[in-house]
Amino acid sequence: MSTDLLAGFLSGAALIIAIGAQNAFVLRQGIRREHVLAVVLVCAGADALLIAAGIAGLGALIAALPAALVAARYGGAVFLLGYGLIAARRALQAQRLTVDSAVGTSLGSAMATCLAFTFLNPHVYLDTVILLGSLASQRGINGRWVFGAGAATASFVWFFALGYGARLLGPLFSEPKAWRVLDALIALIMFTLAGSLLLG
């Protein structure tokens, strides 16, 4: 493995593997076994697209247009607050994971939510487009794309591991209390992230 590829993989992993809105959504979909392949492909594919855009120079353009980040910041905060309220409401209801009830969200709804978590989050642009794009640009014309490939690979590995590894928690989530705890944590994460966007 080349040093550029390894550096990209480690840099991408460091930014992606964090408790955030997108990861919480993927975890919940994985536990419920709802449209997991589509969700992880959208998340990882979006990261790869944004990383490539950053390497191609979009990061410099975004940095020059702070109004775009401000709009994404407040739009993302509103979305996170709304999803946090939905998760908080679920936390107050008893539910369990069963084969019959595991599929309840349409593919279209899951995709729309996944895309919103991805593209309405201004941090994704800072992390993938600006930061990873800047790190890649320091590695020369050929090295930057190898670095980007490593970062995109980290994204694919992480989201597939999270989405499909989550099903190992299925037995735990056969208990309604476990779902309430998960949804309460998801709501807390959403409210915290929304607050950081509004106050940051």
N, C-alpha and C. Protein backbone atom coordinates (compact mmCIF):
# COMPACT_ATOMS: atom_id res chain seq x y z
N MET A 1 0.86 -1.20 0.00
CA MET A 1 0.00 0.00 0.00
C MET A 1 0.89 1.24 0.00
N SER A 2 0.61 2.16 -0.91
CA SER A 2 1.43 3.37 -1.00
C SER A 2 1.17 4.27 0.20
N THR A 3 2.13 5.13 0.47
CA THR A 3 1.98 6.05 1.60
C THR A 3 0.84 7.03 1.38
N ASP A 4 0.62 7.44 0.12
CA ASP A 4 -0.49 8.36 -0.18
C ASP A 4 -1.83 7.68 0.10
N LEU A 5 -1.96 6.43 -0.32
CA LEU A 5 -3.21 5.69 -0.11
C LEU A 5 -3.47 5.49 1.38
N LEU A 6 -2.42 5.10 2.11
CA LEU A 6 -2.55 4.88 3.55
C LEU A 6 -2.89 6.18 4.27
N ALA A 7 -2.21 7.25 3.90
CA ALA A 7 -2.48 8.55 4.53
C ALA A 7 -3.92 8.98 4.27
N GLY A 8 -4.40 8.76 3.05
CA GLY A 8 -5.78 9.10 2.73
C GLY A 8 -6.77 8.27 3.51
N PHE A 9 -6.48 6.97 3.63
CA PHE A 9 -7.37 6.07 4.37
C PHE A 9 -7.45 6.50 5.84
N LEU A 10 -6.31 6.76 6.46
CA LEU A 10 -6.29 7.13 7.88
C LEU A 10 -6.93 8.50 8.11
N SER A 11 -6.68 9.43 7.20
CA SER A 11 -7.29 10.76 7.34
C SER A 11 -8.80 10.68 7.17
N GLY A 12 -9.25 9.93 6.18
CA GLY A 12 -10.68 9.77 5.96
C GLY A 12 -11.35 9.09 7.13
N ALA A 13 -10.72 8.03 7.66
CA ALA A 13 -11.29 7.32 8.79
C ALA A 13 -11.40 8.22 10.01
N ALA A 14 -10.39 9.04 10.25
CA ALA A 14 -10.38 9.92 11.42
C ALA A 14 -11.54 10.90 11.38
N LEU A 15 -11.91 11.35 10.17
CA LEU A 15 -12.99 12.32 10.04
C LEU A 15 -14.37 11.66 10.00
N ILE A 16 -14.44 10.45 9.46
CA ILE A 16 -15.74 9.78 9.26
C ILE A 16 -16.20 9.04 10.51
N ILE A 17 -15.27 8.39 11.21
CA ILE A 17 -15.65 7.57 12.37
C ILE A 17 -15.85 8.48 13.57
N ALA A 18 -17.01 9.04 13.65
CA ALA A 18 -17.39 9.90 14.78
C ALA A 18 -18.89 9.80 14.95
N ILE A 19 -19.35 10.01 16.17
CA ILE A 19 -20.78 9.95 16.43
C ILE A 19 -21.43 11.20 15.87
N GLY A 20 -22.21 11.03 14.85
CA GLY A 20 -22.89 12.16 14.23
C GLY A 20 -24.25 11.74 13.71
N ALA A 21 -24.93 12.69 13.10
CA ALA A 21 -26.30 12.44 12.64
C ALA A 21 -26.34 11.33 11.59
N GLN A 22 -25.43 11.39 10.63
CA GLN A 22 -25.43 10.40 9.56
C GLN A 22 -25.14 9.00 10.10
N ASN A 23 -24.13 8.90 10.96
CA ASN A 23 -23.78 7.59 11.52
C ASN A 23 -24.90 7.04 12.39
N ALA A 24 -25.57 7.90 13.14
CA ALA A 24 -26.69 7.46 13.97
C ALA A 24 -27.81 6.90 13.09
N PHE A 25 -28.06 7.56 11.96
CA PHE A 25 -29.10 7.09 11.03
C PHE A 25 -28.72 5.74 10.43
N VAL A 26 -27.48 5.60 10.00
CA VAL A 26 -27.02 4.33 9.42
C VAL A 26 -27.11 3.21 10.46
N LEU A 27 -26.74 3.50 11.69
CA LEU A 27 -26.82 2.52 12.76
C LEU A 27 -28.26 2.05 12.96
N ARG A 28 -29.18 2.99 13.00
CA ARG A 28 -30.59 2.63 13.21
C ARG A 28 -31.12 1.80 12.04
N GLN A 29 -30.77 2.19 10.82
CA GLN A 29 -31.21 1.41 9.66
C GLN A 29 -30.62 0.01 9.69
N GLY A 30 -29.35 -0.09 10.12
CA GLY A 30 -28.71 -1.39 10.18
C GLY A 30 -29.36 -2.30 11.21
N ILE A 31 -29.69 -1.76 12.36
CA ILE A 31 -30.35 -2.56 13.40
C ILE A 31 -31.71 -3.03 12.92
N ARG A 32 -32.44 -2.15 12.23
CA ARG A 32 -33.77 -2.50 11.73
C ARG A 32 -33.72 -3.32 10.44
N ARG A 33 -32.52 -3.39 9.82
CA ARG A 33 -32.32 -4.10 8.56
C ARG A 33 -33.22 -3.53 7.47
N GLU A 34 -33.28 -2.23 7.41
CA GLU A 34 -34.10 -1.52 6.42
C GLU A 34 -33.21 -0.86 5.37
N HIS A 35 -33.28 -1.33 4.14
CA HIS A 35 -32.61 -0.70 3.00
C HIS A 35 -31.13 -0.42 3.30
N VAL A 36 -30.47 -1.36 3.96
CA VAL A 36 -29.10 -1.13 4.42
C VAL A 36 -28.13 -0.90 3.26
N LEU A 37 -28.20 -1.74 2.24
CA LEU A 37 -27.27 -1.60 1.12
C LEU A 37 -27.42 -0.24 0.46
N ALA A 38 -28.65 0.17 0.19
CA ALA A 38 -28.88 1.46 -0.45
C ALA A 38 -28.37 2.60 0.42
N VAL A 39 -28.60 2.53 1.72
CA VAL A 39 -28.18 3.59 2.63
C VAL A 39 -26.66 3.71 2.68
N VAL A 40 -25.98 2.58 2.85
CA VAL A 40 -24.51 2.66 2.97
C VAL A 40 -23.88 3.07 1.64
N LEU A 41 -24.47 2.65 0.52
CA LEU A 41 -23.94 3.06 -0.78
C LEU A 41 -24.11 4.56 -1.00
N VAL A 42 -25.25 5.10 -0.58
CA VAL A 42 -25.48 6.54 -0.73
C VAL A 42 -24.49 7.32 0.13
N CYS A 43 -24.33 6.90 1.39
CA CYS A 43 -23.42 7.61 2.30
C CYS A 43 -21.98 7.56 1.80
N ALA A 44 -21.51 6.37 1.47
CA ALA A 44 -20.13 6.22 1.01
C ALA A 44 -19.92 6.87 -0.35
N GLY A 45 -20.90 6.71 -1.24
CA GLY A 45 -20.80 7.31 -2.56
C GLY A 45 -20.77 8.83 -2.50
N ALA A 46 -21.60 9.41 -1.61
CA ALA A 46 -21.61 10.87 -1.44
C ALA A 46 -20.26 11.36 -0.93
N ASP A 47 -19.68 10.62 0.03
CA ASP A 47 -18.36 10.99 0.54
C ASP A 47 -17.32 10.97 -0.59
N ALA A 48 -17.35 9.91 -1.40
CA ALA A 48 -16.38 9.79 -2.49
C ALA A 48 -16.55 10.95 -3.48
N LEU A 49 -17.80 11.30 -3.78
CA LEU A 49 -18.07 12.41 -4.69
C LEU A 49 -17.54 13.73 -4.14
N LEU A 50 -17.80 13.97 -2.84
CA LEU A 50 -17.37 15.22 -2.23
C LEU A 50 -15.85 15.29 -2.10
N ILE A 51 -15.23 14.15 -1.79
CA ILE A 51 -13.77 14.11 -1.70
C ILE A 51 -13.16 14.44 -3.07
N ALA A 52 -13.72 13.83 -4.12
CA ALA A 52 -13.23 14.10 -5.48
C ALA A 52 -13.42 15.57 -5.84
N ALA A 53 -14.57 16.13 -5.44
CA ALA A 53 -14.82 17.54 -5.72
C ALA A 53 -13.81 18.43 -5.01
N GLY A 54 -13.47 18.07 -3.78
CA GLY A 54 -12.48 18.84 -3.03
C GLY A 54 -11.11 18.79 -3.68
N ILE A 55 -10.73 17.60 -4.15
CA ILE A 55 -9.43 17.45 -4.80
C ILE A 55 -9.41 18.23 -6.12
N ALA A 56 -10.56 18.29 -6.79
CA ALA A 56 -10.65 18.99 -8.07
C ALA A 56 -10.68 20.50 -7.92
N GLY A 57 -10.82 20.99 -6.66
CA GLY A 57 -10.74 22.43 -6.44
C GLY A 57 -12.00 23.08 -5.91
N LEU A 58 -13.06 22.30 -5.65
CA LEU A 58 -14.30 22.90 -5.14
C LEU A 58 -14.11 23.49 -3.75
N GLY A 59 -13.18 22.91 -2.99
CA GLY A 59 -12.95 23.40 -1.63
C GLY A 59 -12.56 24.87 -1.61
N ALA A 60 -11.71 25.26 -2.53
CA ALA A 60 -11.29 26.67 -2.60
C ALA A 60 -12.46 27.56 -2.96
N LEU A 61 -13.35 27.07 -3.82
CA LEU A 61 -14.51 27.86 -4.21
C LEU A 61 -15.47 28.05 -3.03
N ILE A 62 -15.72 26.98 -2.28
CA ILE A 62 -16.62 27.07 -1.12
C ILE A 62 -16.03 28.01 -0.07
N ALA A 63 -14.74 27.91 0.15
CA ALA A 63 -14.08 28.78 1.13
C ALA A 63 -14.23 30.25 0.75
N ALA A 64 -14.35 30.51 -0.55
CA ALA A 64 -14.49 31.88 -1.02
C ALA A 64 -15.94 32.37 -0.98
N LEU A 65 -16.88 31.46 -0.71
CA LEU A 65 -18.30 31.82 -0.65
C LEU A 65 -18.87 31.45 0.72
N PRO A 66 -18.52 32.19 1.77
CA PRO A 66 -18.98 31.85 3.12
C PRO A 66 -20.50 31.87 3.27
N ALA A 67 -21.20 32.62 2.43
CA ALA A 67 -22.67 32.69 2.53
C ALA A 67 -23.29 31.32 2.28
N ALA A 68 -22.66 30.52 1.41
CA ALA A 68 -23.18 29.18 1.11
C ALA A 68 -23.10 28.30 2.35
N LEU A 69 -21.99 28.41 3.08
CA LEU A 69 -21.85 27.62 4.30
C LEU A 69 -22.81 28.08 5.39
N VAL A 70 -23.07 29.38 5.44
CA VAL A 70 -24.02 29.90 6.43
C VAL A 70 -25.42 29.37 6.15
N ALA A 71 -25.82 29.37 4.87
CA ALA A 71 -27.13 28.85 4.50
C ALA A 71 -27.24 27.37 4.85
N ALA A 72 -26.19 26.60 4.54
CA ALA A 72 -26.19 25.17 4.86
C ALA A 72 -26.22 24.96 6.37
N ARG A 73 -25.56 25.84 7.08
CA ARG A 73 -25.51 25.72 8.54
C ARG A 73 -26.89 25.83 9.17
N TYR A 74 -27.65 26.87 8.79
CA TYR A 74 -28.97 27.06 9.39
C TYR A 74 -29.99 26.07 8.85
N GLY A 75 -29.88 25.73 7.58
CA GLY A 75 -30.76 24.71 7.03
C GLY A 75 -30.53 23.37 7.69
N GLY A 76 -29.26 23.03 7.90
CA GLY A 76 -28.92 21.78 8.58
C GLY A 76 -29.42 21.76 10.01
N ALA A 77 -29.33 22.89 10.70
CA ALA A 77 -29.79 22.96 12.09
C ALA A 77 -31.29 22.71 12.18
N VAL A 78 -32.05 23.29 11.27
CA VAL A 78 -33.50 23.09 11.26
C VAL A 78 -33.83 21.62 11.01
N PHE A 79 -33.13 21.01 10.05
CA PHE A 79 -33.37 19.60 9.75
C PHE A 79 -33.04 18.72 10.95
N LEU A 80 -31.90 18.98 11.59
CA LEU A 80 -31.50 18.17 12.75
C LEU A 80 -32.47 18.32 13.90
N LEU A 81 -32.97 19.52 14.14
CA LEU A 81 -33.97 19.72 15.19
C LEU A 81 -35.23 18.92 14.90
N GLY A 82 -35.67 18.95 13.64
CA GLY A 82 -36.87 18.20 13.26
C GLY A 82 -36.69 16.72 13.45
N TYR A 83 -35.55 16.18 13.00
CA TYR A 83 -35.32 14.74 13.16
C TYR A 83 -35.13 14.39 14.63
N GLY A 84 -34.53 15.28 15.39
CA GLY A 84 -34.38 15.05 16.82
C GLY A 84 -35.72 14.94 17.51
N LEU A 85 -36.67 15.77 17.12
CA LEU A 85 -38.01 15.70 17.70
C LEU A 85 -38.70 14.39 17.35
N ILE A 86 -38.49 13.93 16.12
CA ILE A 86 -39.07 12.64 15.71
C ILE A 86 -38.48 11.51 16.55
N ALA A 87 -37.15 11.53 16.73
CA ALA A 87 -36.49 10.49 17.54
C ALA A 87 -36.95 10.56 18.99
N ALA A 88 -37.12 11.78 19.52
CA ALA A 88 -37.58 11.93 20.90
C ALA A 88 -38.99 11.37 21.06
N ARG A 89 -39.84 11.58 20.07
CA ARG A 89 -41.20 11.03 20.13
C ARG A 89 -41.17 9.51 20.09
N ARG A 90 -40.27 8.94 19.24
CA ARG A 90 -40.14 7.48 19.20
C ARG A 90 -39.66 6.94 20.54
N ALA A 91 -38.79 7.71 21.22
CA ALA A 91 -38.24 7.26 22.50
C ALA A 91 -39.33 7.12 23.57
N LEU A 92 -40.44 7.83 23.38
CA LEU A 92 -41.54 7.76 24.34
C LEU A 92 -42.51 6.63 24.02
N GLN A 93 -42.30 5.94 22.91
CA GLN A 93 -43.19 4.86 22.50
C GLN A 93 -42.48 3.53 22.63
N ALA A 94 -43.23 2.51 22.98
CA ALA A 94 -42.66 1.16 23.10
C ALA A 94 -42.63 0.52 21.73
N GLN A 95 -41.49 0.02 21.32
CA GLN A 95 -41.38 -0.72 20.07
C GLN A 95 -40.32 -1.78 20.24
N ARG A 96 -40.38 -2.81 19.42
CA ARG A 96 -39.39 -3.88 19.46
C ARG A 96 -39.07 -4.30 18.04
N LEU A 97 -37.94 -4.94 17.86
CA LEU A 97 -37.52 -5.40 16.54
C LEU A 97 -38.02 -6.81 16.32
N THR A 98 -38.90 -6.99 15.35
CA THR A 98 -39.36 -8.32 14.97
C THR A 98 -39.27 -8.45 13.46
N VAL A 99 -39.34 -9.68 12.97
CA VAL A 99 -39.25 -9.90 11.52
C VAL A 99 -40.39 -9.20 10.80
N ASP A 100 -41.58 -9.19 11.39
CA ASP A 100 -42.74 -8.62 10.74
C ASP A 100 -42.72 -7.10 10.73
N SER A 101 -42.17 -6.50 11.78
CA SER A 101 -42.23 -5.05 11.88
C SER A 101 -40.92 -4.35 11.54
N ALA A 102 -39.89 -5.14 11.14
CA ALA A 102 -38.59 -4.53 10.91
C ALA A 102 -38.59 -3.60 9.70
N VAL A 103 -39.46 -3.87 8.72
CA VAL A 103 -39.50 -3.04 7.53
C VAL A 103 -40.71 -2.12 7.61
N GLY A 104 -40.47 -0.85 7.83
CA GLY A 104 -41.59 0.06 7.96
C GLY A 104 -41.38 1.37 7.22
N THR A 105 -40.17 1.64 6.78
CA THR A 105 -39.85 2.88 6.09
C THR A 105 -39.66 2.56 4.61
N SER A 106 -40.26 3.37 3.75
CA SER A 106 -40.11 3.13 2.31
C SER A 106 -38.68 3.46 1.88
N LEU A 107 -38.28 2.88 0.76
CA LEU A 107 -36.94 3.14 0.23
C LEU A 107 -36.78 4.62 -0.09
N GLY A 108 -37.80 5.22 -0.67
CA GLY A 108 -37.73 6.64 -1.02
C GLY A 108 -37.54 7.52 0.20
N SER A 109 -38.27 7.22 1.27
CA SER A 109 -38.15 7.99 2.50
C SER A 109 -36.76 7.83 3.12
N ALA A 110 -36.27 6.59 3.12
CA ALA A 110 -34.93 6.33 3.67
C ALA A 110 -33.86 7.07 2.87
N MET A 111 -33.99 7.07 1.55
CA MET A 111 -33.01 7.76 0.70
C MET A 111 -33.06 9.27 0.90
N ALA A 112 -34.29 9.82 0.99
CA ALA A 112 -34.43 11.26 1.20
C ALA A 112 -33.80 11.68 2.52
N THR A 113 -34.04 10.90 3.58
CA THR A 113 -33.47 11.20 4.89
C THR A 113 -31.96 11.08 4.85
N CYS A 114 -31.46 10.04 4.20
CA CYS A 114 -30.02 9.82 4.10
C CYS A 114 -29.34 10.96 3.35
N LEU A 115 -29.93 11.40 2.25
CA LEU A 115 -29.37 12.50 1.47
C LEU A 115 -29.40 13.80 2.26
N ALA A 116 -30.47 13.99 3.03
CA ALA A 116 -30.56 15.21 3.84
C ALA A 116 -29.48 15.22 4.91
N PHE A 117 -29.28 14.08 5.59
CA PHE A 117 -28.23 14.00 6.61
C PHE A 117 -26.86 14.26 6.00
N THR A 118 -26.70 13.88 4.75
CA THR A 118 -25.40 14.03 4.08
C THR A 118 -25.17 15.46 3.59
N PHE A 119 -26.11 15.99 2.84
CA PHE A 119 -25.86 17.26 2.14
C PHE A 119 -26.36 18.50 2.87
N LEU A 120 -27.16 18.33 3.93
CA LEU A 120 -27.58 19.48 4.72
C LEU A 120 -26.66 19.71 5.92
N ASN A 121 -25.64 18.90 6.02
CA ASN A 121 -24.69 19.02 7.13
C ASN A 121 -23.46 19.81 6.65
N PRO A 122 -23.31 21.04 7.11
CA PRO A 122 -22.16 21.83 6.63
C PRO A 122 -20.82 21.22 7.00
N HIS A 123 -20.79 20.40 8.06
CA HIS A 123 -19.52 19.78 8.46
C HIS A 123 -19.00 18.82 7.40
N VAL A 124 -19.92 18.23 6.62
CA VAL A 124 -19.46 17.30 5.59
C VAL A 124 -18.65 18.02 4.53
N TYR A 125 -19.00 19.29 4.26
CA TYR A 125 -18.24 20.06 3.28
C TYR A 125 -16.88 20.48 3.85
N LEU A 126 -16.88 20.82 5.14
CA LEU A 126 -15.62 21.20 5.77
C LEU A 126 -14.67 20.01 5.84
N ASP A 127 -15.23 18.83 6.19
CA ASP A 127 -14.39 17.64 6.35
C ASP A 127 -13.91 17.07 5.03
N THR A 128 -14.85 16.82 4.12
CA THR A 128 -14.49 16.12 2.89
C THR A 128 -13.96 17.06 1.81
N VAL A 129 -14.71 18.13 1.53
CA VAL A 129 -14.33 18.99 0.41
C VAL A 129 -13.13 19.87 0.75
N ILE A 130 -13.21 20.56 1.88
CA ILE A 130 -12.15 21.53 2.21
C ILE A 130 -10.94 20.87 2.86
N LEU A 131 -11.17 20.14 3.97
CA LEU A 131 -10.03 19.58 4.70
C LEU A 131 -9.32 18.47 3.93
N LEU A 132 -10.08 17.44 3.50
CA LEU A 132 -9.44 16.36 2.76
C LEU A 132 -8.92 16.85 1.41
N GLY A 133 -9.65 17.79 0.80
CA GLY A 133 -9.17 18.36 -0.46
C GLY A 133 -7.86 19.09 -0.27
N SER A 134 -7.72 19.83 0.84
CA SER A 134 -6.48 20.55 1.13
C SER A 134 -5.33 19.59 1.41
N LEU A 135 -5.62 18.55 2.19
CA LEU A 135 -4.57 17.56 2.49
C LEU A 135 -4.11 16.85 1.23
N ALA A 136 -5.05 16.54 0.36
CA ALA A 136 -4.71 15.84 -0.88
C ALA A 136 -3.87 16.72 -1.80
N SER A 137 -4.20 18.02 -1.83
CA SER A 137 -3.50 18.94 -2.76
C SER A 137 -2.02 19.07 -2.44
N GLN A 138 -1.61 18.67 -1.24
CA GLN A 138 -0.20 18.76 -0.85
C GLN A 138 0.62 17.58 -1.38
N ARG A 139 -0.03 16.65 -2.09
CA ARG A 139 0.65 15.42 -2.49
C ARG A 139 0.91 15.31 -3.99
N GLY A 140 0.90 16.42 -4.66
CA GLY A 140 1.22 16.39 -6.08
C GLY A 140 0.04 15.96 -6.93
N ILE A 141 0.22 16.06 -8.25
CA ILE A 141 -0.88 15.79 -9.18
C ILE A 141 -1.36 14.35 -9.09
N ASN A 142 -0.47 13.38 -9.08
CA ASN A 142 -0.88 11.98 -9.02
C ASN A 142 -1.20 11.54 -7.60
N GLY A 143 -0.39 11.99 -6.65
CA GLY A 143 -0.57 11.56 -5.27
C GLY A 143 -1.89 12.00 -4.67
N ARG A 144 -2.41 13.15 -5.12
CA ARG A 144 -3.66 13.66 -4.54
C ARG A 144 -4.83 12.73 -4.81
N TRP A 145 -4.85 12.12 -6.01
CA TRP A 145 -5.96 11.22 -6.33
C TRP A 145 -5.82 9.88 -5.64
N VAL A 146 -4.58 9.45 -5.42
CA VAL A 146 -4.35 8.22 -4.64
C VAL A 146 -4.78 8.46 -3.20
N PHE A 147 -4.44 9.62 -2.66
CA PHE A 147 -4.87 10.01 -1.31
C PHE A 147 -6.40 10.02 -1.24
N GLY A 148 -7.05 10.61 -2.25
CA GLY A 148 -8.51 10.65 -2.28
C GLY A 148 -9.11 9.26 -2.34
N ALA A 149 -8.49 8.36 -3.10
CA ALA A 149 -8.97 6.98 -3.19
C ALA A 149 -8.89 6.31 -1.82
N GLY A 150 -7.83 6.59 -1.09
CA GLY A 150 -7.70 6.03 0.26
C GLY A 150 -8.77 6.55 1.19
N ALA A 151 -9.05 7.85 1.12
CA ALA A 151 -10.09 8.44 1.98
C ALA A 151 -11.46 7.89 1.62
N ALA A 152 -11.75 7.74 0.32
CA ALA A 152 -13.04 7.18 -0.10
C ALA A 152 -13.17 5.73 0.32
N THR A 153 -12.07 4.98 0.27
CA THR A 153 -12.09 3.58 0.71
C THR A 153 -12.42 3.49 2.20
N ALA A 154 -11.88 4.39 2.99
CA ALA A 154 -12.18 4.41 4.43
C ALA A 154 -13.67 4.63 4.65
N SER A 155 -14.27 5.49 3.84
CA SER A 155 -15.70 5.76 3.96
C SER A 155 -16.51 4.51 3.65
N PHE A 156 -16.17 3.83 2.56
CA PHE A 156 -16.90 2.60 2.20
C PHE A 156 -16.75 1.54 3.28
N VAL A 157 -15.53 1.34 3.77
CA VAL A 157 -15.30 0.33 4.81
C VAL A 157 -16.11 0.65 6.06
N TRP A 158 -16.09 1.93 6.48
CA TRP A 158 -16.79 2.32 7.70
C TRP A 158 -18.30 2.14 7.57
N PHE A 159 -18.89 2.64 6.50
CA PHE A 159 -20.35 2.58 6.39
C PHE A 159 -20.85 1.15 6.21
N PHE A 160 -20.12 0.33 5.47
CA PHE A 160 -20.53 -1.07 5.35
C PHE A 160 -20.41 -1.79 6.68
N ALA A 161 -19.32 -1.52 7.42
CA ALA A 161 -19.15 -2.14 8.74
C ALA A 161 -20.24 -1.69 9.70
N LEU A 162 -20.57 -0.41 9.67
CA LEU A 162 -21.60 0.12 10.56
C LEU A 162 -22.98 -0.40 10.19
N GLY A 163 -23.31 -0.35 8.90
CA GLY A 163 -24.63 -0.77 8.47
C GLY A 163 -24.89 -2.24 8.67
N TYR A 164 -23.93 -3.08 8.29
CA TYR A 164 -24.13 -4.52 8.39
C TYR A 164 -23.71 -5.09 9.74
N GLY A 165 -22.80 -4.40 10.43
CA GLY A 165 -22.41 -4.85 11.77
C GLY A 165 -23.49 -4.57 12.79
N ALA A 166 -24.32 -3.57 12.52
CA ALA A 166 -25.37 -3.19 13.47
C ALA A 166 -26.37 -4.31 13.70
N ARG A 167 -26.55 -5.19 12.70
CA ARG A 167 -27.55 -6.26 12.85
C ARG A 167 -27.16 -7.24 13.95
N LEU A 168 -25.88 -7.26 14.34
CA LEU A 168 -25.48 -8.11 15.45
C LEU A 168 -26.14 -7.67 16.75
N LEU A 169 -26.62 -6.42 16.77
CA LEU A 169 -27.31 -5.89 17.95
C LEU A 169 -28.79 -6.22 17.94
N GLY A 170 -29.25 -6.95 16.89
CA GLY A 170 -30.66 -7.29 16.77
C GLY A 170 -31.28 -7.91 18.01
N PRO A 171 -30.66 -8.94 18.60
CA PRO A 171 -31.25 -9.55 19.81
C PRO A 171 -31.45 -8.55 20.95
N LEU A 172 -30.48 -7.63 21.10
CA LEU A 172 -30.61 -6.63 22.15
C LEU A 172 -31.82 -5.74 21.91
N PHE A 173 -32.06 -5.41 20.64
CA PHE A 173 -33.14 -4.50 20.32
C PHE A 173 -34.49 -5.18 20.12
N SER A 174 -34.58 -6.45 20.56
CA SER A 174 -35.89 -7.09 20.64
C SER A 174 -36.64 -6.59 21.87
N GLU A 175 -35.93 -5.88 22.74
CA GLU A 175 -36.54 -5.29 23.94
C GLU A 175 -36.90 -3.83 23.68
N PRO A 176 -38.15 -3.44 23.98
CA PRO A 176 -38.57 -2.05 23.75
C PRO A 176 -37.69 -1.02 24.45
N LYS A 177 -37.17 -1.36 25.64
CA LYS A 177 -36.35 -0.41 26.39
C LYS A 177 -35.09 -0.03 25.61
N ALA A 178 -34.50 -1.00 24.89
CA ALA A 178 -33.28 -0.72 24.12
C ALA A 178 -33.56 0.29 23.02
N TRP A 179 -34.73 0.16 22.36
CA TRP A 179 -35.08 1.11 21.31
C TRP A 179 -35.27 2.50 21.90
N ARG A 180 -35.89 2.56 23.07
CA ARG A 180 -36.11 3.86 23.71
C ARG A 180 -34.78 4.53 24.03
N VAL A 181 -33.83 3.76 24.51
CA VAL A 181 -32.51 4.31 24.83
C VAL A 181 -31.81 4.79 23.56
N LEU A 182 -31.85 3.96 22.49
CA LEU A 182 -31.21 4.34 21.23
C LEU A 182 -31.82 5.63 20.68
N ASP A 183 -33.15 5.68 20.64
CA ASP A 183 -33.81 6.87 20.09
C ASP A 183 -33.57 8.10 20.96
N ALA A 184 -33.48 7.90 22.27
CA ALA A 184 -33.17 9.03 23.15
C ALA A 184 -31.76 9.54 22.88
N LEU A 185 -30.81 8.62 22.65
CA LEU A 185 -29.44 9.02 22.32
C LEU A 185 -29.38 9.72 20.97
N ILE A 186 -30.14 9.19 19.99
CA ILE A 186 -30.18 9.82 18.67
C ILE A 186 -30.73 11.23 18.79
N ALA A 187 -31.82 11.39 19.56
CA ALA A 187 -32.41 12.72 19.75
C ALA A 187 -31.40 13.66 20.40
N LEU A 188 -30.67 13.17 21.40
CA LEU A 188 -29.67 13.99 22.07
C LEU A 188 -28.57 14.42 21.10
N ILE A 189 -28.12 13.48 20.25
CA ILE A 189 -27.09 13.80 19.26
C ILE A 189 -27.59 14.87 18.30
N MET A 190 -28.83 14.70 17.82
CA MET A 190 -29.39 15.66 16.87
C MET A 190 -29.51 17.05 17.49
N PHE A 191 -30.03 17.11 18.73
CA PHE A 191 -30.20 18.41 19.38
C PHE A 191 -28.84 19.07 19.64
N THR A 192 -27.86 18.25 20.04
CA THR A 192 -26.52 18.79 20.30
C THR A 192 -25.88 19.34 19.04
N LEU A 193 -25.99 18.58 17.94
CA LEU A 193 -25.41 19.04 16.69
C LEU A 193 -26.12 20.28 16.17
N ALA A 194 -27.47 20.30 16.31
CA ALA A 194 -28.22 21.48 15.88
C ALA A 194 -27.81 22.70 16.70
N GLY A 195 -27.63 22.49 18.01
CA GLY A 195 -27.20 23.60 18.87
C GLY A 195 -25.82 24.10 18.50
N SER A 196 -24.92 23.18 18.15
CA SER A 196 -23.57 23.60 17.79
C SER A 196 -23.57 24.40 16.48
N LEU A 197 -24.50 24.05 15.58
CA LEU A 197 -24.60 24.79 14.33
C LEU A 197 -25.17 26.19 14.56
N LEU A 198 -26.17 26.28 15.42
CA LEU A 198 -26.83 27.56 15.67
C LEU A 198 -25.95 28.50 16.49
N LEU A 199 -25.17 27.92 17.41
CA LEU A 199 -24.38 28.75 18.31
C LEU A 199 -22.93 28.91 17.86
N GLY A 200 -22.51 28.03 16.93
CA GLY A 200 -21.11 28.05 16.51
C GLY A 200 -20.77 29.19 15.59
